[in-house]
Amino acid sequence: MDIKRAKEILNSTKDIEVTYQGKSVWINNINPSLGSAFIITRDNEKKQYQVSISDLVEK
């Protein structure tokens, strides 16, 4: 995924499915200068992760 699309998903009112390493995630925030996103898994795990936006996949 690229930064532009990640921003669109983050700002969308629709529920757009995104995965990271096969797990469904929410994009919580984006750091464009680092090319990273802060994500939370949808499986009720409350931990936030910082990952490369290029590792996110839109389903």
N, C-alpha and C. Protein backbone atom coordinates (compact mmCIF):
# COMPACT_ATOMS: atom_id res chain seq x y z
N MET A 1 0.85 -1.16 0.00
CA MET A 1 0.00 0.00 0.00
C MET A 1 0.90 1.24 0.00
N ASP A 2 0.40 2.32 -0.56
CA ASP A 2 1.17 3.55 -0.53
C ASP A 2 0.56 4.52 0.50
N ILE A 3 1.29 5.58 0.80
CA ILE A 3 0.87 6.53 1.84
C ILE A 3 -0.45 7.20 1.47
N LYS A 4 -0.62 7.56 0.20
CA LYS A 4 -1.84 8.23 -0.23
C LYS A 4 -3.07 7.36 0.06
N ARG A 5 -2.99 6.07 -0.29
CA ARG A 5 -4.13 5.18 -0.07
C ARG A 5 -4.36 4.95 1.43
N ALA A 6 -3.30 4.82 2.19
CA ALA A 6 -3.44 4.64 3.64
C ALA A 6 -4.16 5.83 4.25
N LYS A 7 -3.85 7.04 3.80
CA LYS A 7 -4.53 8.24 4.31
C LYS A 7 -6.01 8.22 3.93
N GLU A 8 -6.30 7.80 2.69
CA GLU A 8 -7.69 7.72 2.24
C GLU A 8 -8.48 6.75 3.12
N ILE A 9 -7.88 5.61 3.41
CA ILE A 9 -8.55 4.61 4.26
C ILE A 9 -8.74 5.15 5.67
N LEU A 10 -7.72 5.78 6.21
CA LEU A 10 -7.80 6.34 7.56
C LEU A 10 -8.93 7.36 7.66
N ASN A 11 -9.10 8.18 6.64
CA ASN A 11 -10.11 9.25 6.67
C ASN A 11 -11.48 8.82 6.14
N SER A 12 -11.60 7.60 5.69
CA SER A 12 -12.86 7.11 5.12
C SER A 12 -13.88 6.80 6.21
N THR A 13 -15.14 7.02 5.88
CA THR A 13 -16.23 6.64 6.79
C THR A 13 -16.63 5.18 6.58
N LYS A 14 -16.13 4.58 5.51
CA LYS A 14 -16.43 3.17 5.21
C LYS A 14 -15.48 2.26 5.98
N ASP A 15 -15.92 1.03 6.19
CA ASP A 15 -15.09 0.01 6.81
C ASP A 15 -14.33 -0.72 5.70
N ILE A 16 -13.09 -0.35 5.50
CA ILE A 16 -12.26 -0.92 4.44
C ILE A 16 -11.31 -1.92 5.08
N GLU A 17 -11.35 -3.17 4.61
CA GLU A 17 -10.53 -4.20 5.23
C GLU A 17 -9.07 -4.06 4.80
N VAL A 18 -8.21 -4.01 5.81
CA VAL A 18 -6.77 -3.93 5.62
C VAL A 18 -6.14 -5.04 6.45
N THR A 19 -5.11 -5.69 5.90
CA THR A 19 -4.42 -6.73 6.67
C THR A 19 -2.94 -6.41 6.79
N TYR A 20 -2.36 -6.96 7.85
CA TYR A 20 -0.93 -6.91 8.09
C TYR A 20 -0.50 -8.30 8.50
N GLN A 21 0.37 -8.90 7.73
CA GLN A 21 0.84 -10.26 7.96
C GLN A 21 -0.33 -11.22 8.14
N GLY A 22 -1.37 -11.04 7.32
CA GLY A 22 -2.52 -11.93 7.33
C GLY A 22 -3.57 -11.63 8.38
N LYS A 23 -3.31 -10.67 9.27
CA LYS A 23 -4.28 -10.30 10.31
C LYS A 23 -5.02 -9.04 9.91
N SER A 24 -6.32 -9.03 10.15
CA SER A 24 -7.14 -7.86 9.88
C SER A 24 -6.82 -6.77 10.91
N VAL A 25 -6.60 -5.53 10.41
CA VAL A 25 -6.18 -4.44 11.28
C VAL A 25 -6.94 -3.15 10.97
N TRP A 26 -6.92 -2.24 11.94
CA TRP A 26 -7.37 -0.87 11.77
C TRP A 26 -6.14 0.01 11.64
N ILE A 27 -6.19 0.98 10.74
CA ILE A 27 -5.15 2.00 10.69
C ILE A 27 -5.57 3.08 11.68
N ASN A 28 -4.74 3.32 12.67
CA ASN A 28 -5.07 4.25 13.74
C ASN A 28 -4.46 5.64 13.50
N ASN A 29 -3.29 5.68 12.86
CA ASN A 29 -2.60 6.93 12.59
C ASN A 29 -1.51 6.65 11.55
N ILE A 30 -1.00 7.72 10.95
CA ILE A 30 0.04 7.59 9.92
C ILE A 30 1.16 8.58 10.21
N ASN A 31 2.40 8.13 10.00
CA ASN A 31 3.57 9.00 10.09
C ASN A 31 4.20 9.05 8.70
N PRO A 32 3.80 10.03 7.87
CA PRO A 32 4.27 10.08 6.49
C PRO A 32 5.78 10.23 6.37
N SER A 33 6.41 10.95 7.29
CA SER A 33 7.85 11.16 7.18
C SER A 33 8.63 9.85 7.35
N LEU A 34 8.07 8.91 8.09
CA LEU A 34 8.72 7.60 8.27
C LEU A 34 8.13 6.53 7.36
N GLY A 35 7.03 6.85 6.69
CA GLY A 35 6.36 5.86 5.84
C GLY A 35 5.76 4.74 6.67
N SER A 36 5.31 5.09 7.87
CA SER A 36 4.78 4.06 8.76
C SER A 36 3.36 4.38 9.20
N ALA A 37 2.69 3.33 9.66
CA ALA A 37 1.33 3.47 10.17
C ALA A 37 1.27 2.84 11.55
N PHE A 38 0.41 3.40 12.37
CA PHE A 38 0.12 2.81 13.68
C PHE A 38 -1.17 2.01 13.49
N ILE A 39 -1.12 0.74 13.80
CA ILE A 39 -2.26 -0.15 13.57
C ILE A 39 -2.68 -0.84 14.86
N ILE A 40 -3.92 -1.28 14.88
CA ILE A 40 -4.46 -2.10 15.96
C ILE A 40 -5.13 -3.29 15.30
N THR A 41 -4.86 -4.50 15.79
CA THR A 41 -5.50 -5.68 15.22
C THR A 41 -6.98 -5.68 15.59
N ARG A 42 -7.79 -6.26 14.73
CA ARG A 42 -9.24 -6.29 14.95
C ARG A 42 -9.67 -7.44 15.86
N ASP A 43 -8.75 -8.22 16.35
CA ASP A 43 -9.11 -9.38 17.17
C ASP A 43 -9.18 -9.04 18.66
N ASN A 44 -9.51 -7.78 18.96
CA ASN A 44 -9.66 -7.29 20.34
C ASN A 44 -8.35 -7.23 21.11
N GLU A 45 -7.24 -7.39 20.45
CA GLU A 45 -5.95 -7.17 21.09
C GLU A 45 -5.73 -5.67 21.10
N LYS A 46 -5.65 -5.07 22.25
CA LYS A 46 -5.63 -3.62 22.38
C LYS A 46 -4.26 -2.99 22.11
N LYS A 47 -3.27 -3.78 21.76
CA LYS A 47 -1.92 -3.26 21.56
C LYS A 47 -1.80 -2.59 20.19
N GLN A 48 -1.11 -1.46 20.17
CA GLN A 48 -0.86 -0.73 18.93
C GLN A 48 0.54 -1.05 18.43
N TYR A 49 0.67 -1.19 17.11
CA TYR A 49 1.95 -1.50 16.48
C TYR A 49 2.28 -0.42 15.47
N GLN A 50 3.57 -0.13 15.29
CA GLN A 50 4.02 0.76 14.23
C GLN A 50 4.65 -0.11 13.16
N VAL A 51 4.11 -0.03 11.93
CA VAL A 51 4.57 -0.88 10.84
C VAL A 51 4.78 -0.04 9.58
N SER A 52 5.50 -0.59 8.64
CA SER A 52 5.70 0.07 7.36
C SER A 52 4.39 0.04 6.56
N ILE A 53 4.02 1.16 6.00
CA ILE A 53 2.79 1.23 5.20
C ILE A 53 2.87 0.27 4.02
N SER A 54 4.04 0.05 3.49
CA SER A 54 4.18 -0.85 2.35
C SER A 54 3.86 -2.30 2.70
N ASP A 55 3.82 -2.63 4.00
CA ASP A 55 3.47 -3.98 4.43
C ASP A 55 1.98 -4.18 4.64
N LEU A 56 1.19 -3.12 4.49
CA LEU A 56 -0.26 -3.21 4.63
C LEU A 56 -0.89 -3.60 3.29
N VAL A 57 -1.92 -4.43 3.37
CA VAL A 57 -2.60 -4.91 2.16
C VAL A 57 -4.09 -4.61 2.28
N GLU A 58 -4.63 -3.96 1.24
CA GLU A 58 -6.07 -3.71 1.19
C GLU A 58 -6.74 -4.92 0.58
N LYS A 59 -7.79 -5.41 1.22
CA LYS A 59 -8.53 -6.58 0.70
C LYS A 59 -9.66 -6.15 -0.19
